[in-house]
Amino acid sequence: MDSNVVKINPNAIDEVIIKKAIDLLKNNEIIAFPTDTVYGVGGNIFSQEAIKRIYSLKNRPQNKPINALISSLEHLEMIVEEIPQIFQELIKKFWPGPLTIIFKKKEEISGKVTGGLDTIGVR
């Protein structure tokens, strides 16, 4: 597996680098990125191949769910059945940030992502 390390200045994001990461995700590739605590490994939530690779790379049990990291409410609406009012208030107050909220997933989200559960953790 080839890898490419790219340093990013959070004060001057390079759009070319962001586009490259998006292209990788669209092509079922895996990326690593810093989170608030550790580096995360991620892929396209709609790609069975990417999800399989994440479980393999992390040596993660298949019944242990993977959280979804999103960048907008539009993305949230793509993966969850509904956004209850109480969650909307939490989202406004704490996102982006280190709060994971558990939602009922849409059918389009594979059980492989959720460890077979009908819910998904989202940040």
PDB file of N, CA and C in Angstrom:
ATOM      1  N   MET A   1       0.844  -1.168   0.000  1.00  0.00           N
ATOM      2  CA  MET A   1       0.000   0.000   0.000  1.00  0.00           C
ATOM      3  C   MET A   1       0.896   1.240   0.000  1.00  0.00           C
ATOM      4  N   ASP A   2       0.651   2.138  -0.935  1.00  0.00           N
ATOM      5  CA  ASP A   2       1.394   3.388  -1.002  1.00  0.00           C
ATOM      6  C   ASP A   2       0.798   4.386  -0.024  1.00  0.00           C
ATOM      7  N   SER A   3       1.663   5.238   0.511  1.00  0.00           N
ATOM      8  CA  SER A   3       1.155   6.307   1.369  1.00  0.00           C
ATOM      9  C   SER A   3       1.890   7.593   1.048  1.00  0.00           C
ATOM     10  N   ASN A   4       1.233   8.682   1.327  1.00  0.00           N
ATOM     11  CA  ASN A   4       1.781   9.994   1.061  1.00  0.00           C
ATOM     12  C   ASN A   4       1.442  10.877   2.251  1.00  0.00           C
ATOM     13  N   VAL A   5       2.451  11.411   2.923  1.00  0.00           N
ATOM     14  CA  VAL A   5       2.235  12.268   4.079  1.00  0.00           C
ATOM     15  C   VAL A   5       2.243  13.719   3.616  1.00  0.00           C
ATOM     16  N   VAL A   6       1.207  14.432   3.989  1.00  0.00           N
ATOM     17  CA  VAL A   6       1.073  15.834   3.613  1.00  0.00           C
ATOM     18  C   VAL A   6       0.903  16.649   4.886  1.00  0.00           C
ATOM     19  N   LYS A   7       1.732  17.664   5.059  1.00  0.00           N
ATOM     20  CA  LYS A   7       1.592  18.544   6.219  1.00  0.00           C
ATOM     21  C   LYS A   7       0.643  19.675   5.853  1.00  0.00           C
ATOM     22  N   ILE A   8      -0.275  19.943   6.760  1.00  0.00           N
ATOM     23  CA  ILE A   8      -1.277  20.979   6.520  1.00  0.00           C
ATOM     24  C   ILE A   8      -1.155  22.053   7.593  1.00  0.00           C
ATOM     25  N   ASN A   9      -1.141  23.285   7.143  1.00  0.00           N
ATOM     26  CA  ASN A   9      -1.157  24.416   8.057  1.00  0.00           C
ATOM     27  C   ASN A   9      -2.623  24.766   8.309  1.00  0.00           C
ATOM     28  N   PRO A  10      -3.123  24.588   9.530  1.00  0.00           N
ATOM     29  CA  PRO A  10      -4.543  24.856   9.783  1.00  0.00           C
ATOM     30  C   PRO A  10      -4.933  26.316   9.568  1.00  0.00           C
ATOM     31  N   ASN A  11      -3.948  27.194   9.532  1.00  0.00           N
ATOM     32  CA  ASN A  11      -4.225  28.615   9.309  1.00  0.00           C
ATOM     33  C   ASN A  11      -4.200  28.998   7.839  1.00  0.00           C
ATOM     34  N   ALA A  12      -3.786  28.073   6.990  1.00  0.00           N
ATOM     35  CA  ALA A  12      -3.717  28.348   5.544  1.00  0.00           C
ATOM     36  C   ALA A  12      -3.947  27.045   4.789  1.00  0.00           C
ATOM     37  N   ILE A  13      -5.187  26.586   4.774  1.00  0.00           N
ATOM     38  CA  ILE A  13      -5.527  25.318   4.128  1.00  0.00           C
ATOM     39  C   ILE A  13      -5.308  25.424   2.623  1.00  0.00           C
ATOM     40  N   ASP A  14      -4.608  24.448   2.086  1.00  0.00           N
ATOM     41  CA  ASP A  14      -4.318  24.389   0.652  1.00  0.00           C
ATOM     42  C   ASP A  14      -5.452  23.638  -0.045  1.00  0.00           C
ATOM     43  N   GLU A  15      -6.201  24.339  -0.888  1.00  0.00           N
ATOM     44  CA  GLU A  15      -7.346  23.739  -1.576  1.00  0.00           C
ATOM     45  C   GLU A  15      -6.939  22.561  -2.465  1.00  0.00           C
ATOM     46  N   VAL A  16      -5.724  22.575  -2.993  1.00  0.00           N
ATOM     47  CA  VAL A  16      -5.246  21.467  -3.827  1.00  0.00           C
ATOM     48  C   VAL A  16      -5.146  20.192  -2.983  1.00  0.00           C
ATOM     49  N   ILE A  17      -4.658  20.329  -1.773  1.00  0.00           N
ATOM     50  CA  ILE A  17      -4.539  19.177  -0.873  1.00  0.00           C
ATOM     51  C   ILE A  17      -5.927  18.660  -0.484  1.00  0.00           C
ATOM     52  N   ILE A  18      -6.839  19.563  -0.202  1.00  0.00           N
ATOM     53  CA  ILE A  18      -8.203  19.158   0.150  1.00  0.00           C
ATOM     54  C   ILE A  18      -8.846  18.415  -1.019  1.00  0.00           C
ATOM     55  N   LYS A  19      -8.679  18.928  -2.227  1.00  0.00           N
ATOM     56  CA  LYS A  19      -9.238  18.271  -3.416  1.00  0.00           C
ATOM     57  C   LYS A  19      -8.640  16.876  -3.581  1.00  0.00           C
ATOM     58  N   LYS A  20      -7.342  16.733  -3.332  1.00  0.00           N
ATOM     59  CA  LYS A  20      -6.692  15.424  -3.430  1.00  0.00           C
ATOM     60  C   LYS A  20      -7.304  14.445  -2.422  1.00  0.00           C
ATOM     61  N   ALA A  21      -7.542  14.911  -1.195  1.00  0.00           N
ATOM     62  CA  ALA A  21      -8.161  14.049  -0.180  1.00  0.00           C
ATOM     63  C   ALA A  21      -9.568  13.636  -0.614  1.00  0.00           C
ATOM     64  N   ILE A  22     -10.325  14.573  -1.158  1.00  0.00           N
ATOM     65  CA  ILE A  22     -11.680  14.267  -1.640  1.00  0.00           C
ATOM     66  C   ILE A  22     -11.620  13.235  -2.760  1.00  0.00           C
ATOM     67  N   ASP A  23     -10.684  13.415  -3.686  1.00  0.00           N
ATOM     68  CA  ASP A  23     -10.530  12.455  -4.787  1.00  0.00           C
ATOM     69  C   ASP A  23     -10.191  11.063  -4.256  1.00  0.00           C
ATOM     70  N   LEU A  24      -9.311  11.003  -3.264  1.00  0.00           N
ATOM     71  CA  LEU A  24      -8.964   9.713  -2.666  1.00  0.00           C
ATOM     72  C   LEU A  24     -10.203   9.046  -2.067  1.00  0.00           C
ATOM     73  N   LEU A  25     -10.993   9.810  -1.332  1.00  0.00           N
ATOM     74  CA  LEU A  25     -12.201   9.263  -0.713  1.00  0.00           C
ATOM     75  C   LEU A  25     -13.197   8.786  -1.762  1.00  0.00           C
ATOM     76  N   LYS A  26     -13.348   9.546  -2.832  1.00  0.00           N
ATOM     77  CA  LYS A  26     -14.272   9.153  -3.905  1.00  0.00           C
ATOM     78  C   LYS A  26     -13.823   7.879  -4.607  1.00  0.00           C
ATOM     79  N   ASN A  27     -12.514   7.591  -4.530  1.00  0.00           N
ATOM     80  CA  ASN A  27     -11.958   6.403  -5.177  1.00  0.00           C
ATOM     81  C   ASN A  27     -11.720   5.265  -4.188  1.00  0.00           C
ATOM     82  N   ASN A  28     -12.489   5.260  -3.105  1.00  0.00           N
ATOM     83  CA  ASN A  28     -12.466   4.173  -2.116  1.00  0.00           C
ATOM     84  C   ASN A  28     -11.156   4.054  -1.358  1.00  0.00           C
ATOM     85  N   GLU A  29     -10.358   5.108  -1.355  1.00  0.00           N
ATOM     86  CA  GLU A  29      -9.094   5.088  -0.624  1.00  0.00           C
ATOM     87  C   GLU A  29      -9.327   5.486   0.831  1.00  0.00           C
ATOM     88  N   ILE A  30      -8.312   5.286   1.645  1.00  0.00           N
ATOM     89  CA  ILE A  30      -8.348   5.599   3.068  1.00  0.00           C
ATOM     90  C   ILE A  30      -7.428   6.790   3.320  1.00  0.00           C
ATOM     91  N   ILE A  31      -7.842   7.680   4.224  1.00  0.00           N
ATOM     92  CA  ILE A  31      -6.993   8.807   4.608  1.00  0.00           C
ATOM     93  C   ILE A  31      -6.823   8.810   6.128  1.00  0.00           C
ATOM     94  N   ALA A  32      -5.754   9.434   6.581  1.00  0.00           N
ATOM     95  CA  ALA A  32      -5.533   9.650   8.014  1.00  0.00           C
ATOM     96  C   ALA A  32      -5.578  11.150   8.249  1.00  0.00           C
ATOM     97  N   PHE A  33      -6.072  11.539   9.414  1.00  0.00           N
ATOM     98  CA  PHE A  33      -6.252  12.957   9.695  1.00  0.00           C
ATOM     99  C   PHE A  33      -6.228  13.180  11.205  1.00  0.00           C
ATOM    100  N   PRO A  34      -5.811  14.373  11.635  1.00  0.00           N
ATOM    101  CA  PRO A  34      -5.815  14.658  13.072  1.00  0.00           C
ATOM    102  C   PRO A  34      -7.233  14.934  13.567  1.00  0.00           C
ATOM    103  N   THR A  35      -7.518  14.462  14.775  1.00  0.00           N
ATOM    104  CA  THR A  35      -8.785  14.794  15.432  1.00  0.00           C
ATOM    105  C   THR A  35      -8.438  15.601  16.678  1.00  0.00           C
ATOM    106  N   ASP A  36      -9.398  15.817  17.549  1.00  0.00           N
ATOM    107  CA  ASP A  36      -9.136  16.578  18.761  1.00  0.00           C
ATOM    108  C   ASP A  36      -8.245  15.820  19.746  1.00  0.00           C
ATOM    109  N   THR A  37      -8.112  14.509  19.593  1.00  0.00           N
ATOM    110  CA  THR A  37      -7.305  13.728  20.536  1.00  0.00           C
ATOM    111  C   THR A  37      -6.211  12.886  19.879  1.00  0.00           C
ATOM    112  N   VAL A  38      -6.520  12.231  18.781  1.00  0.00           N
ATOM    113  CA  VAL A  38      -5.573  11.331  18.118  1.00  0.00           C
ATOM    114  C   VAL A  38      -5.698  11.491  16.607  1.00  0.00           C
ATOM    115  N   TYR A  39      -4.916  10.735  15.870  1.00  0.00           N
ATOM    116  CA  TYR A  39      -5.112  10.683  14.422  1.00  0.00           C
ATOM    117  C   TYR A  39      -6.193   9.658  14.124  1.00  0.00           C
ATOM    118  N   GLY A  40      -7.059   9.999  13.194  1.00  0.00           N
ATOM    119  CA  GLY A  40      -8.125   9.100  12.784  1.00  0.00           C
ATOM    120  C   GLY A  40      -7.833   8.517  11.422  1.00  0.00           C
ATOM    121  N   VAL A  41      -8.482   7.408  11.134  1.00  0.00           N
ATOM    122  CA  VAL A  41      -8.412   6.774   9.820  1.00  0.00           C
ATOM    123  C   VAL A  41      -9.828   6.801   9.275  1.00  0.00           C
ATOM    124  N   GLY A  42      -9.981   7.271   8.042  1.00  0.00           N
ATOM    125  CA  GLY A  42     -11.327   7.393   7.507  1.00  0.00           C
ATOM    126  C   GLY A  42     -11.428   7.058   6.046  1.00  0.00           C
ATOM    127  N   GLY A  43     -12.666   6.878   5.615  1.00  0.00           N
ATOM    128  CA  GLY A  43     -12.966   6.588   4.223  1.00  0.00           C
ATOM    129  C   GLY A  43     -14.398   6.979   3.930  1.00  0.00           C
ATOM    130  N   ASN A  44     -14.831   6.722   2.730  1.00  0.00           N
ATOM    131  CA  ASN A  44     -16.181   7.048   2.290  1.00  0.00           C
ATOM    132  C   ASN A  44     -17.179   6.087   2.938  1.00  0.00           C
ATOM    133  N   ILE A  45     -18.109   6.615   3.692  1.00  0.00           N
ATOM    134  CA  ILE A  45     -19.079   5.789   4.418  1.00  0.00           C
ATOM    135  C   ILE A  45     -19.967   4.969   3.483  1.00  0.00           C
ATOM    136  N   PHE A  46     -20.078   5.382   2.220  1.00  0.00           N
ATOM    137  CA  PHE A  46     -20.905   4.667   1.250  1.00  0.00           C
ATOM    138  C   PHE A  46     -20.108   3.639   0.445  1.00  0.00           C
ATOM    139  N   SER A  47     -18.820   3.482   0.746  1.00  0.00           N
ATOM    140  CA  SER A  47     -17.960   2.549   0.022  1.00  0.00           C
ATOM    141  C   SER A  47     -17.705   1.296   0.856  1.00  0.00           C
ATOM    142  N   GLN A  48     -18.256   0.170   0.415  1.00  0.00           N
ATOM    143  CA  GLN A  48     -18.021  -1.097   1.111  1.00  0.00           C
ATOM    144  C   GLN A  48     -16.528  -1.423   1.155  1.00  0.00           C
ATOM    145  N   GLU A  49     -15.833  -1.129   0.057  1.00  0.00           N
ATOM    146  CA  GLU A  49     -14.396  -1.394  -0.020  1.00  0.00           C
ATOM    147  C   GLU A  49     -13.634  -0.574   1.023  1.00  0.00           C
ATOM    148  N   ALA A  50     -13.958   0.704   1.143  1.00  0.00           N
ATOM    149  CA  ALA A  50     -13.274   1.563   2.113  1.00  0.00           C
ATOM    150  C   ALA A  50     -13.559   1.104   3.542  1.00  0.00           C
ATOM    151  N   ILE A  51     -14.806   0.781   3.825  1.00  0.00           N
ATOM    152  CA  ILE A  51     -15.166   0.328   5.173  1.00  0.00           C
ATOM    153  C   ILE A  51     -14.423  -0.957   5.516  1.00  0.00           C
ATOM    154  N   LYS A  52     -14.363  -1.879   4.576  1.00  0.00           N
ATOM    155  CA  LYS A  52     -13.636  -3.137   4.785  1.00  0.00           C
ATOM    156  C   LYS A  52     -12.161  -2.859   5.084  1.00  0.00           C
ATOM    157  N   ARG A  53     -11.565  -1.922   4.354  1.00  0.00           N
ATOM    158  CA  ARG A  53     -10.150  -1.593   4.560  1.00  0.00           C
ATOM    159  C   ARG A  53      -9.912  -0.949   5.923  1.00  0.00           C
ATOM    160  N   ILE A  54     -10.849  -0.106   6.362  1.00  0.00           N
ATOM    161  CA  ILE A  54     -10.699   0.521   7.681  1.00  0.00           C
ATOM    162  C   ILE A  54     -10.694  -0.548   8.771  1.00  0.00           C
ATOM    163  N   TYR A  55     -11.654  -1.470   8.726  1.00  0.00           N
ATOM    164  CA  TYR A  55     -11.696  -2.543   9.723  1.00  0.00           C
ATOM    165  C   TYR A  55     -10.406  -3.358   9.691  1.00  0.00           C
ATOM    166  N   SER A  56      -9.911  -3.635   8.494  1.00  0.00           N
ATOM    167  CA  SER A  56      -8.689  -4.419   8.356  1.00  0.00           C
ATOM    168  C   SER A  56      -7.476  -3.661   8.897  1.00  0.00           C
ATOM    169  N   LEU A  57      -7.321  -2.398   8.509  1.00  0.00           N
ATOM    170  CA  LEU A  57      -6.179  -1.593   8.962  1.00  0.00           C
ATOM    171  C   LEU A  57      -6.139  -1.451  10.480  1.00  0.00           C
ATOM    172  N   LYS A  58      -7.304  -1.283  11.070  1.00  0.00           N
ATOM    173  CA  LYS A  58      -7.377  -1.075  12.514  1.00  0.00           C
ATOM    174  C   LYS A  58      -7.475  -2.384  13.293  1.00  0.00           C
ATOM    175  N   ASN A  59      -7.554  -3.516  12.547  1.00  0.00           N
ATOM    176  CA  ASN A  59      -7.760  -4.814  13.184  1.00  0.00           C
ATOM    177  C   ASN A  59      -8.960  -4.732  14.134  1.00  0.00           C
ATOM    178  N   ARG A  60     -10.011  -4.118  13.640  1.00  0.00           N
ATOM    179  CA  ARG A  60     -11.208  -3.825  14.430  1.00  0.00           C
ATOM    180  C   ARG A  60     -12.223  -4.957  14.283  1.00  0.00           C
ATOM    181  N   PRO A  61     -12.805  -5.424  15.380  1.00  0.00           N
ATOM    182  CA  PRO A  61     -13.851  -6.446  15.281  1.00  0.00           C
ATOM    183  C   PRO A  61     -15.028  -5.936  14.443  1.00  0.00           C
ATOM    184  N   GLN A  62     -15.591  -6.806  13.613  1.00  0.00           N
ATOM    185  CA  GLN A  62     -16.681  -6.427  12.712  1.00  0.00           C
ATOM    186  C   GLN A  62     -17.939  -5.959  13.446  1.00  0.00           C
ATOM    187  N   ASN A  63     -18.093  -6.353  14.702  1.00  0.00           N
ATOM    188  CA  ASN A  63     -19.290  -5.948  15.441  1.00  0.00           C
ATOM    189  C   ASN A  63     -19.097  -4.639  16.207  1.00  0.00           C
ATOM    190  N   LYS A  64     -17.940  -3.996  16.032  1.00  0.00           N
ATOM    191  CA  LYS A  64     -17.673  -2.716  16.695  1.00  0.00           C
ATOM    192  C   LYS A  64     -17.914  -1.588  15.694  1.00  0.00           C
ATOM    193  N   PRO A  65     -18.913  -0.729  15.928  1.00  0.00           N
ATOM    194  CA  PRO A  65     -19.271   0.313  14.957  1.00  0.00           C
ATOM    195  C   PRO A  65     -18.166   1.335  14.717  1.00  0.00           C
ATOM    196  N   ILE A  66     -18.267   1.989  13.574  1.00  0.00           N
ATOM    197  CA  ILE A  66     -17.386   3.100  13.205  1.00  0.00           C
ATOM    198  C   ILE A  66     -18.223   4.372  13.244  1.00  0.00           C
ATOM    199  N   ASN A  67     -17.698   5.434  13.844  1.00  0.00           N
ATOM    200  CA  ASN A  67     -18.390   6.725  13.839  1.00  0.00           C
ATOM    201  C   ASN A  67     -18.293   7.376  12.470  1.00  0.00           C
ATOM    202  N   ALA A  68     -19.272   8.195  12.153  1.00  0.00           N
ATOM    203  CA  ALA A  68     -19.236   9.006  10.935  1.00  0.00           C
ATOM    204  C   ALA A  68     -18.831  10.423  11.325  1.00  0.00           C
ATOM    205  N   LEU A  69     -17.868  10.972  10.603  1.00  0.00           N
ATOM    206  CA  LEU A  69     -17.469  12.365  10.799  1.00  0.00           C
ATOM    207  C   LEU A  69     -18.028  13.165   9.638  1.00  0.00           C
ATOM    208  N   ILE A  70     -18.752  14.226   9.939  1.00  0.00           N
ATOM    209  CA  ILE A  70     -19.414  14.997   8.889  1.00  0.00           C
ATOM    210  C   ILE A  70     -18.993  16.459   8.965  1.00  0.00           C
ATOM    211  N   SER A  71     -19.279  17.181   7.890  1.00  0.00           N
ATOM    212  CA  SER A  71     -18.912  18.597   7.859  1.00  0.00           C
ATOM    213  C   SER A  71     -20.110  19.526   7.771  1.00  0.00           C
ATOM    214  N   SER A  72     -21.318  18.962   7.653  1.00  0.00           N
ATOM    215  CA  SER A  72     -22.488  19.833   7.509  1.00  0.00           C
ATOM    216  C   SER A  72     -23.767  19.090   7.889  1.00  0.00           C
ATOM    217  N   LEU A  73     -24.812  19.862   8.147  1.00  0.00           N
ATOM    218  CA  LEU A  73     -26.118  19.255   8.417  1.00  0.00           C
ATOM    219  C   LEU A  73     -26.633  18.524   7.194  1.00  0.00           C
ATOM    220  N   GLU A  74     -26.280  19.009   6.016  1.00  0.00           N
ATOM    221  CA  GLU A  74     -26.668  18.331   4.770  1.00  0.00           C
ATOM    222  C   GLU A  74     -26.123  16.906   4.754  1.00  0.00           C
ATOM    223  N   HIS A  75     -24.879  16.750   5.177  1.00  0.00           N
ATOM    224  CA  HIS A  75     -24.283  15.412   5.235  1.00  0.00           C
ATOM    225  C   HIS A  75     -24.967  14.559   6.299  1.00  0.00           C
ATOM    226  N   LEU A  76     -25.310  15.173   7.416  1.00  0.00           N
ATOM    227  CA  LEU A  76     -26.013  14.435   8.464  1.00  0.00           C
ATOM    228  C   LEU A  76     -27.344  13.904   7.940  1.00  0.00           C
ATOM    229  N   GLU A  77     -28.074  14.743   7.218  1.00  0.00           N
ATOM    230  CA  GLU A  77     -29.374  14.342   6.671  1.00  0.00           C
ATOM    231  C   GLU A  77     -29.251  13.204   5.668  1.00  0.00           C
ATOM    232  N   MET A  78     -28.074  13.038   5.069  1.00  0.00           N
ATOM    233  CA  MET A  78     -27.854  11.956   4.106  1.00  0.00           C
ATOM    234  C   MET A  78     -27.737  10.594   4.783  1.00  0.00           C
ATOM    235  N   ILE A  79     -27.387  10.577   6.075  1.00  0.00           N
ATOM    236  CA  ILE A  79     -27.087   9.299   6.719  1.00  0.00           C
ATOM    237  C   ILE A  79     -28.012   8.919   7.865  1.00  0.00           C
ATOM    238  N   VAL A  80     -28.831   9.863   8.353  1.00  0.00           N
ATOM    239  CA  VAL A  80     -29.701   9.542   9.487  1.00  0.00           C
ATOM    240  C   VAL A  80     -31.171   9.720   9.122  1.00  0.00           C
ATOM    241  N   GLU A  81     -32.023   8.959   9.814  1.00  0.00           N
ATOM    242  CA  GLU A  81     -33.463   9.002   9.562  1.00  0.00           C
ATOM    243  C   GLU A  81     -34.076  10.339   9.939  1.00  0.00           C
ATOM    244  N   GLU A  82     -33.716  10.831  11.114  1.00  0.00           N
ATOM    245  CA  GLU A  82     -34.265  12.108  11.571  1.00  0.00           C
ATOM    246  C   GLU A  82     -33.297  12.759  12.547  1.00  0.00           C
ATOM    247  N   ILE A  83     -33.479  14.071  12.718  1.00  0.00           N
ATOM    248  CA  ILE A  83     -32.663  14.829  13.661  1.00  0.00           C
ATOM    249  C   ILE A  83     -33.625  15.425  14.691  1.00  0.00           C
ATOM    250  N   PRO A  84     -33.811  14.736  15.826  1.00  0.00           N
ATOM    251  CA  PRO A  84     -34.732  15.243  16.842  1.00  0.00           C
ATOM    252  C   PRO A  84     -34.340  16.651  17.312  1.00  0.00           C
ATOM    253  N   GLN A  85     -35.315  17.426  17.728  1.00  0.00           N
ATOM    254  CA  GLN A  85     -35.096  18.817  18.139  1.00  0.00           C
ATOM    255  C   GLN A  85     -34.011  18.932  19.205  1.00  0.00           C
ATOM    256  N   ILE A  86     -34.026  18.054  20.194  1.00  0.00           N
ATOM    257  CA  ILE A  86     -33.017  18.122  21.257  1.00  0.00           C
ATOM    258  C   ILE A  86     -31.613  17.966  20.687  1.00  0.00           C
ATOM    259  N   PHE A  87     -31.469  17.115  19.666  1.00  0.00           N
ATOM    260  CA  PHE A  87     -30.166  16.938  19.034  1.00  0.00           C
ATOM    261  C   PHE A  87     -29.779  18.171  18.236  1.00  0.00           C
ATOM    262  N   GLN A  88     -30.750  18.831  17.619  1.00  0.00           N
ATOM    263  CA  GLN A  88     -30.460  20.051  16.865  1.00  0.00           C
ATOM    264  C   GLN A  88     -29.854  21.104  17.787  1.00  0.00           C
ATOM    265  N   GLU A  89     -30.376  21.192  19.001  1.00  0.00           N
ATOM    266  CA  GLU A  89     -29.848  22.150  19.974  1.00  0.00           C
ATOM    267  C   GLU A  89     -28.426  21.777  20.394  1.00  0.00           C
ATOM    268  N   LEU A  90     -28.176  20.495  20.616  1.00  0.00           N
ATOM    269  CA  LEU A  90     -26.824  20.044  20.967  1.00  0.00           C
ATOM    270  C   LEU A  90     -25.841  20.305  19.831  1.00  0.00           C
ATOM    271  N   ILE A  91     -26.283  20.056  18.605  1.00  0.00           N
ATOM    272  CA  ILE A  91     -25.436  20.275  17.431  1.00  0.00           C
ATOM    273  C   ILE A  91     -25.035  21.740  17.338  1.00  0.00           C
ATOM    274  N   LYS A  92     -26.009  22.636  17.501  1.00  0.00           N
ATOM    275  CA  LYS A  92     -25.722  24.078  17.425  1.00  0.00           C
ATOM    276  C   LYS A  92     -24.717  24.499  18.487  1.00  0.00           C
ATOM    277  N   LYS A  93     -24.838  23.911  19.669  1.00  0.00           N
ATOM    278  CA  LYS A  93     -23.976  24.317  20.781  1.00  0.00           C
ATOM    279  C   LYS A  93     -22.584  23.679  20.739  1.00  0.00           C
ATOM    280  N   PHE A  94     -22.494  22.409  20.328  1.00  0.00           N
ATOM    281  CA  PHE A  94     -21.243  21.675  20.503  1.00  0.00           C
ATOM    282  C   PHE A  94     -20.515  21.256  19.227  1.00  0.00           C
ATOM    283  N   TRP A  95     -21.144  21.364  18.062  1.00  0.00           N
ATOM    284  CA  TRP A  95     -20.459  20.968  16.820  1.00  0.00           C
ATOM    285  C   TRP A  95     -19.957  22.185  16.092  1.00  0.00           C
ATOM    286  N   PRO A  96     -18.829  22.164  15.428  1.00  0.00           N
ATOM    287  CA  PRO A  96     -17.895  21.032  15.484  1.00  0.00           C
ATOM    288  C   PRO A  96     -17.261  20.930  16.870  1.00  0.00           C
ATOM    289  N   GLY A  97     -16.996  19.711  17.249  1.00  0.00           N
ATOM    290  CA  GLY A  97     -16.400  19.471  18.551  1.00  0.00           C
ATOM    291  C   GLY A  97     -16.460  18.008  18.924  1.00  0.00           C
ATOM    292  N   PRO A  98     -15.984  17.693  20.134  1.00  0.00           N
ATOM    293  CA  PRO A  98     -15.827  16.298  20.551  1.00  0.00           C
ATOM    294  C   PRO A  98     -17.097  15.656  21.111  1.00  0.00           C
ATOM    295  N   LEU A  99     -18.245  15.945  20.517  1.00  0.00           N
ATOM    296  CA  LEU A  99     -19.497  15.338  20.951  1.00  0.00           C
ATOM    297  C   LEU A  99     -19.995  14.378  19.881  1.00  0.00           C
ATOM    298  N   THR A 100     -20.135  13.111  20.246  1.00  0.00           N
ATOM    299  CA  THR A 100     -20.714  12.112  19.348  1.00  0.00           C
ATOM    300  C   THR A 100     -22.173  11.919  19.739  1.00  0.00           C
ATOM    301  N   ILE A 101     -23.061  12.002  18.745  1.00  0.00           N
ATOM    302  CA  ILE A 101     -24.491  11.800  18.974  1.00  0.00           C
ATOM    303  C   ILE A 101     -24.913  10.541  18.217  1.00  0.00           C
ATOM    304  N   ILE A 102     -25.720   9.714  18.861  1.00  0.00           N
ATOM    305  CA  ILE A 102     -26.198   8.474  18.257  1.00  0.00           C
ATOM    306  C   ILE A 102     -27.566   8.725  17.616  1.00  0.00           C
ATOM    307  N   PHE A 103     -27.660   8.422  16.316  1.00  0.00           N
ATOM    308  CA  PHE A 103     -28.890   8.596  15.551  1.00  0.00           C
ATOM    309  C   PHE A 103     -29.326   7.252  14.967  1.00  0.00           C
ATOM    310  N   LYS A 104     -30.598   7.163  14.591  1.00  0.00           N
ATOM    311  CA  LYS A 104     -31.070   6.018  13.811  1.00  0.00           C
ATOM    312  C   LYS A 104     -30.553   6.222  12.389  1.00  0.00           C
ATOM    313  N   LYS A 105     -29.872   5.219  11.857  1.00  0.00           N
ATOM    314  CA  LYS A 105     -29.261   5.339  10.531  1.00  0.00           C
ATOM    315  C   LYS A 105     -30.276   5.128   9.421  1.00  0.00           C
ATOM    316  N   LYS A 106     -29.988   5.696   8.260  1.00  0.00           N
ATOM    317  CA  LYS A 106     -30.789   5.406   7.075  1.00  0.00           C
ATOM    318  C   LYS A 106     -30.419   4.014   6.573  1.00  0.00           C
ATOM    319  N   GLU A 107     -31.335   3.389   5.840  1.00  0.00           N
ATOM    320  CA  GLU A 107     -31.087   2.051   5.294  1.00  0.00           C
ATOM    321  C   GLU A 107     -29.869   2.018   4.388  1.00  0.00           C
ATOM    322  N   GLU A 108     -29.581   3.138   3.718  1.00  0.00           N
ATOM    323  CA  GLU A 108     -28.448   3.187   2.786  1.00  0.00           C
ATOM    324  C   GLU A 108     -27.106   2.988   3.479  1.00  0.00           C
ATOM    325  N   ILE A 109     -27.067   3.198   4.782  1.00  0.00           N
ATOM    326  CA  ILE A 109     -25.821   3.019   5.530  1.00  0.00           C
ATOM    327  C   ILE A 109     -25.688   1.541   5.882  1.00  0.00           C
ATOM    328  N   SER A 110     -24.613   0.958   5.420  1.00  0.00           N
ATOM    329  CA  SER A 110     -24.378  -0.470   5.610  1.00  0.00           C
ATOM    330  C   SER A 110     -24.255  -0.842   7.085  1.00  0.00           C
ATOM    331  N   GLY A 111     -24.788  -2.001   7.410  1.00  0.00           N
ATOM    332  CA  GLY A 111     -24.609  -2.549   8.746  1.00  0.00           C
ATOM    333  C   GLY A 111     -23.149  -2.828   9.060  1.00  0.00           C
ATOM    334  N   LYS A 112     -22.311  -2.900   8.024  1.00  0.00           N
ATOM    335  CA  LYS A 112     -20.872  -3.098   8.244  1.00  0.00           C
ATOM    336  C   LYS A 112     -20.265  -1.880   8.933  1.00  0.00           C
ATOM    337  N   VAL A 113     -20.821  -0.697   8.695  1.00  0.00           N
ATOM    338  CA  VAL A 113     -20.351   0.530   9.341  1.00  0.00           C
ATOM    339  C   VAL A 113     -20.775   0.544  10.804  1.00  0.00           C
ATOM    340  N   THR A 114     -21.978   0.049  11.064  1.00  0.00           N
ATOM    341  CA  THR A 114     -22.583   0.177  12.388  1.00  0.00           C
ATOM    342  C   THR A 114     -22.478  -1.078  13.248  1.00  0.00           C
ATOM    343  N   GLY A 115     -21.685  -2.034  12.811  1.00  0.00           N
ATOM    344  CA  GLY A 115     -21.564  -3.272  13.567  1.00  0.00           C
ATOM    345  C   GLY A 115     -22.876  -4.029  13.640  1.00  0.00           C
ATOM    346  N   GLY A 116     -23.735  -3.836  12.630  1.00  0.00           N
ATOM    347  CA  GLY A 116     -25.019  -4.519  12.584  1.00  0.00           C
ATOM    348  C   GLY A 116     -26.137  -3.800  13.324  1.00  0.00           C
ATOM    349  N   LEU A 117     -25.838  -2.678  13.951  1.00  0.00           N
ATOM    350  CA  LEU A 117     -26.859  -1.917  14.678  1.00  0.00           C
ATOM    351  C   LEU A 117     -27.667  -1.054  13.714  1.00  0.00           C
ATOM    352  N   ASP A 118     -28.824  -0.590  14.165  1.00  0.00           N
ATOM    353  CA  ASP A 118     -29.618   0.311  13.324  1.00  0.00           C
ATOM    354  C   ASP A 118     -29.360   1.775  13.685  1.00  0.00           C
ATOM    355  N   THR A 119     -28.300   2.005  14.445  1.00  0.00           N
ATOM    356  CA  THR A 119     -27.907   3.358  14.836  1.00  0.00           C
ATOM    357  C   THR A 119     -26.487   3.646  14.375  1.00  0.00           C
ATOM    358  N   ILE A 120     -26.159   4.945  14.345  1.00  0.00           N
ATOM    359  CA  ILE A 120     -24.819   5.357  13.951  1.00  0.00           C
ATOM    360  C   ILE A 120     -24.381   6.544  14.802  1.00  0.00           C
ATOM    361  N   GLY A 121     -23.135   6.500  15.256  1.00  0.00           N
ATOM    362  CA  GLY A 121     -22.557   7.615  15.991  1.00  0.00           C
ATOM    363  C   GLY A 121     -22.022   8.638  15.001  1.00  0.00           C
ATOM    364  N   VAL A 122     -22.344   9.909  15.239  1.00  0.00           N
ATOM    365  CA  VAL A 122     -21.941  10.970  14.317  1.00  0.00           C
ATOM    366  C   VAL A 122     -21.296  12.106  15.095  1.00  0.00           C
ATOM    367  N   ARG A 123     -20.241  12.665  14.505  1.00  0.00           N
ATOM    368  CA  ARG A 123     -19.556  13.847  15.046  1.00  0.00           C
ATOM    369  C   ARG A 123     -19.510  14.894  13.980  1.00  0.00           C
TER     370      ARG A 123
END
